[in-house]
Amino acid sequence: MSIIYVLIPIAILFVVIAIGVFFWAVRSEQFSDLNKQAHSILFEDDKEQHKKSNDGN
């Protein structure tokens, strides 16, 4: 039963840290444009391949 007195403050500390990290991420605009990265994965290679094919001509 005495372990509860140790685990509850540790759990509260983890929650406070997680909330702090979340608000830091929101303030530093980590979540501002979620679709940009998804689209850049799809089209980034096409641009590089297009440059390489034009350099060869």
PDB file of N, CA and C in Angstrom:
ATOM      1  N   MET A   1       0.815  -1.196   0.000  1.00  0.00           N
ATOM      2  CA  MET A   1       0.000   0.000   0.000  1.00  0.00           C
ATOM      3  C   MET A   1       0.858   1.259   0.000  1.00  0.00           C
ATOM      4  N   SER A   2       2.015   1.215   0.602  1.00  0.00           N
ATOM      5  CA  SER A   2       2.857   2.412   0.673  1.00  0.00           C
ATOM      6  C   SER A   2       3.466   2.757  -0.688  1.00  0.00           C
ATOM      7  N   ILE A   3       3.521   1.790  -1.605  1.00  0.00           N
ATOM      8  CA  ILE A   3       4.049   2.072  -2.940  1.00  0.00           C
ATOM      9  C   ILE A   3       3.144   3.042  -3.700  1.00  0.00           C
ATOM     10  N   ILE A   4       1.864   3.063  -3.357  1.00  0.00           N
ATOM     11  CA  ILE A   4       0.915   3.988  -3.982  1.00  0.00           C
ATOM     12  C   ILE A   4       1.346   5.432  -3.721  1.00  0.00           C
ATOM     13  N   TYR A   5       1.885   5.690  -2.537  1.00  0.00           N
ATOM     14  CA  TYR A   5       2.316   7.039  -2.189  1.00  0.00           C
ATOM     15  C   TYR A   5       3.509   7.490  -3.038  1.00  0.00           C
ATOM     16  N   VAL A   6       4.226   6.560  -3.611  1.00  0.00           N
ATOM     17  CA  VAL A   6       5.339   6.882  -4.502  1.00  0.00           C
ATOM     18  C   VAL A   6       4.860   6.945  -5.948  1.00  0.00           C
ATOM     19  N   LEU A   7       4.005   6.024  -6.344  1.00  0.00           N
ATOM     20  CA  LEU A   7       3.589   5.938  -7.740  1.00  0.00           C
ATOM     21  C   LEU A   7       2.663   7.075  -8.174  1.00  0.00           C
ATOM     22  N   ILE A   8       1.816   7.536  -7.297  1.00  0.00           N
ATOM     23  CA  ILE A   8       0.889   8.608  -7.669  1.00  0.00           C
ATOM     24  C   ILE A   8       1.633   9.914  -7.975  1.00  0.00           C
ATOM     25  N   PRO A   9       2.577  10.368  -7.156  1.00  0.00           N
ATOM     26  CA  PRO A   9       3.328  11.584  -7.543  1.00  0.00           C
ATOM     27  C   PRO A   9       4.146  11.396  -8.822  1.00  0.00           C
ATOM     28  N   ILE A  10       4.703  10.207  -9.029  1.00  0.00           N
ATOM     29  CA  ILE A  10       5.456   9.957 -10.256  1.00  0.00           C
ATOM     30  C   ILE A  10       4.527  10.024 -11.470  1.00  0.00           C
ATOM     31  N   ALA A  11       3.334   9.453 -11.358  1.00  0.00           N
ATOM     32  CA  ALA A  11       2.364   9.501 -12.451  1.00  0.00           C
ATOM     33  C   ALA A  11       1.918  10.935 -12.726  1.00  0.00           C
ATOM     34  N   ILE A  12       1.709  11.703 -11.677  1.00  0.00           N
ATOM     35  CA  ILE A  12       1.316  13.104 -11.851  1.00  0.00           C
ATOM     36  C   ILE A  12       2.455  13.886 -12.518  1.00  0.00           C
ATOM     37  N   LEU A  13       3.682  13.606 -12.143  1.00  0.00           N
ATOM     38  CA  LEU A  13       4.833  14.257 -12.757  1.00  0.00           C
ATOM     39  C   LEU A  13       4.914  13.934 -14.252  1.00  0.00           C
ATOM     40  N   PHE A  14       4.698  12.672 -14.627  1.00  0.00           N
ATOM     41  CA  PHE A  14       4.704  12.285 -16.037  1.00  0.00           C
ATOM     42  C   PHE A  14       3.603  12.997 -16.816  1.00  0.00           C
ATOM     43  N   VAL A  15       2.440  13.138 -16.228  1.00  0.00           N
ATOM     44  CA  VAL A  15       1.326  13.816 -16.897  1.00  0.00           C
ATOM     45  C   VAL A  15       1.656  15.293 -17.092  1.00  0.00           C
ATOM     46  N   VAL A  16       2.225  15.923 -16.093  1.00  0.00           N
ATOM     47  CA  VAL A  16       2.589  17.337 -16.201  1.00  0.00           C
ATOM     48  C   VAL A  16       3.658  17.527 -17.281  1.00  0.00           C
ATOM     49  N   ILE A  17       4.625  16.639 -17.341  1.00  0.00           N
ATOM     50  CA  ILE A  17       5.659  16.718 -18.378  1.00  0.00           C
ATOM     51  C   ILE A  17       5.051  16.520 -19.758  1.00  0.00           C
ATOM     52  N   ALA A  18       4.153  15.553 -19.905  1.00  0.00           N
ATOM     53  CA  ALA A  18       3.516  15.300 -21.204  1.00  0.00           C
ATOM     54  C   ALA A  18       2.682  16.496 -21.654  1.00  0.00           C
ATOM     55  N   ILE A  19       1.960  17.103 -20.732  1.00  0.00           N
ATOM     56  CA  ILE A  19       1.165  18.287 -21.081  1.00  0.00           C
ATOM     57  C   ILE A  19       2.085  19.443 -21.464  1.00  0.00           C
ATOM     58  N   GLY A  20       3.178  19.602 -20.755  1.00  0.00           N
ATOM     59  CA  GLY A  20       4.140  20.649 -21.087  1.00  0.00           C
ATOM     60  C   GLY A  20       4.749  20.453 -22.465  1.00  0.00           C
ATOM     61  N   VAL A  21       5.111  19.227 -22.808  1.00  0.00           N
ATOM     62  CA  VAL A  21       5.667  18.939 -24.128  1.00  0.00           C
ATOM     63  C   VAL A  21       4.620  19.184 -25.210  1.00  0.00           C
ATOM     64  N   PHE A  22       3.378  18.819 -24.953  1.00  0.00           N
ATOM     65  CA  PHE A  22       2.311  19.045 -25.928  1.00  0.00           C
ATOM     66  C   PHE A  22       2.129  20.533 -26.197  1.00  0.00           C
ATOM     67  N   PHE A  23       2.048  21.348 -25.145  1.00  0.00           N
ATOM     68  CA  PHE A  23       1.854  22.776 -25.343  1.00  0.00           C
ATOM     69  C   PHE A  23       3.073  23.426 -25.990  1.00  0.00           C
ATOM     70  N   TRP A  24       4.283  22.934 -25.698  1.00  0.00           N
ATOM     71  CA  TRP A  24       5.482  23.423 -26.374  1.00  0.00           C
ATOM     72  C   TRP A  24       5.397  23.133 -27.869  1.00  0.00           C
ATOM     73  N   ALA A  25       4.942  21.928 -28.234  1.00  0.00           N
ATOM     74  CA  ALA A  25       4.823  21.570 -29.647  1.00  0.00           C
ATOM     75  C   ALA A  25       3.784  22.434 -30.348  1.00  0.00           C
ATOM     76  N   VAL A  26       2.688  22.726 -29.678  1.00  0.00           N
ATOM     77  CA  VAL A  26       1.663  23.575 -30.280  1.00  0.00           C
ATOM     78  C   VAL A  26       2.194  24.997 -30.458  1.00  0.00           C
ATOM     79  N   ARG A  27       2.885  25.528 -29.459  1.00  0.00           N
ATOM     80  CA  ARG A  27       3.410  26.893 -29.555  1.00  0.00           C
ATOM     81  C   ARG A  27       4.506  27.017 -30.605  1.00  0.00           C
ATOM     82  N   SER A  28       5.271  25.958 -30.827  1.00  0.00           N
ATOM     83  CA  SER A  28       6.342  26.029 -31.828  1.00  0.00           C
ATOM     84  C   SER A  28       5.846  25.590 -33.202  1.00  0.00           C
ATOM     85  N   GLU A  29       4.532  25.514 -33.370  1.00  0.00           N
ATOM     86  CA  GLU A  29       3.849  25.244 -34.644  1.00  0.00           C
ATOM     87  C   GLU A  29       4.233  23.904 -35.263  1.00  0.00           C
ATOM     88  N   GLN A  30       4.398  22.888 -34.445  1.00  0.00           N
ATOM     89  CA  GLN A  30       4.682  21.558 -34.949  1.00  0.00           C
ATOM     90  C   GLN A  30       3.479  20.955 -35.665  1.00  0.00           C
ATOM     91  N   PHE A  31       2.282  21.401 -35.308  1.00  0.00           N
ATOM     92  CA  PHE A  31       1.058  20.843 -35.869  1.00  0.00           C
ATOM     93  C   PHE A  31       0.387  21.806 -36.842  1.00  0.00           C
ATOM     94  N   SER A  32       1.109  22.794 -37.367  1.00  0.00           N
ATOM     95  CA  SER A  32       0.477  23.833 -38.180  1.00  0.00           C
ATOM     96  C   SER A  32      -0.009  23.312 -39.527  1.00  0.00           C
ATOM     97  N   ASP A  33       0.767  22.469 -40.199  1.00  0.00           N
ATOM     98  CA  ASP A  33       0.355  21.956 -41.499  1.00  0.00           C
ATOM     99  C   ASP A  33       0.701  20.470 -41.573  1.00  0.00           C
ATOM    100  N   LEU A  34      -0.253  19.629 -41.237  1.00  0.00           N
ATOM    101  CA  LEU A  34      -0.004  18.193 -41.192  1.00  0.00           C
ATOM    102  C   LEU A  34       0.030  17.564 -42.578  1.00  0.00           C
ATOM    103  N   ASN A  35      -0.614  18.165 -43.566  1.00  0.00           N
ATOM    104  CA  ASN A  35      -0.657  17.584 -44.906  1.00  0.00           C
ATOM    105  C   ASN A  35       0.601  17.877 -45.714  1.00  0.00           C
ATOM    106  N   LYS A  36       1.332  18.923 -45.373  1.00  0.00           N
ATOM    107  CA  LYS A  36       2.520  19.293 -46.137  1.00  0.00           C
ATOM    108  C   LYS A  36       3.545  18.162 -46.152  1.00  0.00           C
ATOM    109  N   GLN A  37       3.829  17.593 -45.006  1.00  0.00           N
ATOM    110  CA  GLN A  37       4.815  16.523 -44.943  1.00  0.00           C
ATOM    111  C   GLN A  37       4.336  15.271 -45.666  1.00  0.00           C
ATOM    112  N   ALA A  38       3.056  14.994 -45.583  1.00  0.00           N
ATOM    113  CA  ALA A  38       2.527  13.816 -46.272  1.00  0.00           C
ATOM    114  C   ALA A  38       2.656  13.976 -47.784  1.00  0.00           C
ATOM    115  N   HIS A  39       2.406  15.165 -48.299  1.00  0.00           N
ATOM    116  CA  HIS A  39       2.515  15.396 -49.736  1.00  0.00           C
ATOM    117  C   HIS A  39       3.970  15.471 -50.185  1.00  0.00           C
ATOM    118  N   SER A  40       4.843  15.989 -49.333  1.00  0.00           N
ATOM    119  CA  SER A  40       6.243  16.097 -49.734  1.00  0.00           C
ATOM    120  C   SER A  40       6.885  14.723 -49.880  1.00  0.00           C
ATOM    121  N   ILE A  41       6.423  13.753 -49.140  1.00  0.00           N
ATOM    122  CA  ILE A  41       6.942  12.391 -49.278  1.00  0.00           C
ATOM    123  C   ILE A  41       6.590  11.839 -50.653  1.00  0.00           C
ATOM    124  N   LEU A  42       5.404  12.142 -51.117  1.00  0.00           N
ATOM    125  CA  LEU A  42       4.945  11.598 -52.390  1.00  0.00           C
ATOM    126  C   LEU A  42       5.615  12.269 -53.583  1.00  0.00           C
ATOM    127  N   PHE A  43       5.891  13.559 -53.504  1.00  0.00           N
ATOM    128  CA  PHE A  43       6.328  14.296 -54.680  1.00  0.00           C
ATOM    129  C   PHE A  43       7.787  14.721 -54.653  1.00  0.00           C
ATOM    130  N   GLU A  44       8.502  14.479 -53.584  1.00  0.00           N
ATOM    131  CA  GLU A  44       9.892  14.916 -53.496  1.00  0.00           C
ATOM    132  C   GLU A  44      10.781  14.169 -54.485  1.00  0.00           C
ATOM    133  N   ASP A  45      10.615  12.871 -54.616  1.00  0.00           N
ATOM    134  CA  ASP A  45      11.432  12.081 -55.520  1.00  0.00           C
ATOM    135  C   ASP A  45      11.180  12.447 -56.974  1.00  0.00           C
ATOM    136  N   ASP A  46       9.946  12.813 -57.310  1.00  0.00           N
ATOM    137  CA  ASP A  46       9.626  13.187 -58.683  1.00  0.00           C
ATOM    138  C   ASP A  46      10.427  14.410 -59.113  1.00  0.00           C
ATOM    139  N   LYS A  47      10.609  15.372 -58.221  1.00  0.00           N
ATOM    140  CA  LYS A  47      11.365  16.580 -58.545  1.00  0.00           C
ATOM    141  C   LYS A  47      12.829  16.245 -58.775  1.00  0.00           C
ATOM    142  N   GLU A  48      13.395  15.385 -57.937  1.00  0.00           N
ATOM    143  CA  GLU A  48      14.801  15.013 -58.082  1.00  0.00           C
ATOM    144  C   GLU A  48      15.015  14.221 -59.357  1.00  0.00           C
ATOM    145  N   GLN A  49      14.119  13.305 -59.682  1.00  0.00           N
ATOM    146  CA  GLN A  49      14.252  12.520 -60.902  1.00  0.00           C
ATOM    147  C   GLN A  49      14.101  13.405 -62.128  1.00  0.00           C
ATOM    148  N   HIS A  50      13.217  14.406 -62.052  1.00  0.00           N
ATOM    149  CA  HIS A  50      13.020  15.327 -63.168  1.00  0.00           C
ATOM    150  C   HIS A  50      14.293  16.160 -63.397  1.00  0.00           C
ATOM    151  N   LYS A  51      14.944  16.586 -62.311  1.00  0.00           N
ATOM    152  CA  LYS A  51      16.187  17.335 -62.438  1.00  0.00           C
ATOM    153  C   LYS A  51      17.281  16.477 -63.068  1.00  0.00           C
ATOM    154  N   LYS A  52      17.379  15.221 -62.645  1.00  0.00           N
ATOM    155  CA  LYS A  52      18.417  14.328 -63.166  1.00  0.00           C
ATOM    156  C   LYS A  52      18.187  14.042 -64.646  1.00  0.00           C
ATOM    157  N   SER A  53      16.940  13.878 -65.042  1.00  0.00           N
ATOM    158  CA  SER A  53      16.664  13.596 -66.456  1.00  0.00           C
ATOM    159  C   SER A  53      16.950  14.825 -67.315  1.00  0.00           C
ATOM    160  N   ASN A  54      16.736  16.029 -66.795  1.00  0.00           N
ATOM    161  CA  ASN A  54      17.050  17.250 -67.547  1.00  0.00           C
ATOM    162  C   ASN A  54      18.537  17.510 -67.614  1.00  0.00           C
ATOM    163  N   ASP A  55      19.288  17.119 -66.584  1.00  0.00           N
ATOM    164  CA  ASP A  55      20.734  17.308 -66.578  1.00  0.00           C
ATOM    165  C   ASP A  55      21.406  16.401 -67.614  1.00  0.00           C
ATOM    166  N   GLY A  56      20.832  15.254 -67.886  1.00  0.00           N
ATOM    167  CA  GLY A  56      21.396  14.307 -68.841  1.00  0.00           C
ATOM    168  C   GLY A  56      21.203  14.723 -70.281  1.00  0.00           C
ATOM    169  N   ASN A  57      20.260  15.615 -70.545  1.00  0.00           N
ATOM    170  CA  ASN A  57      19.989  16.034 -71.937  1.00  0.00           C
ATOM    171  C   ASN A  57      20.927  17.085 -72.420  1.00  0.00           C
TER     172      ASN A  57
END
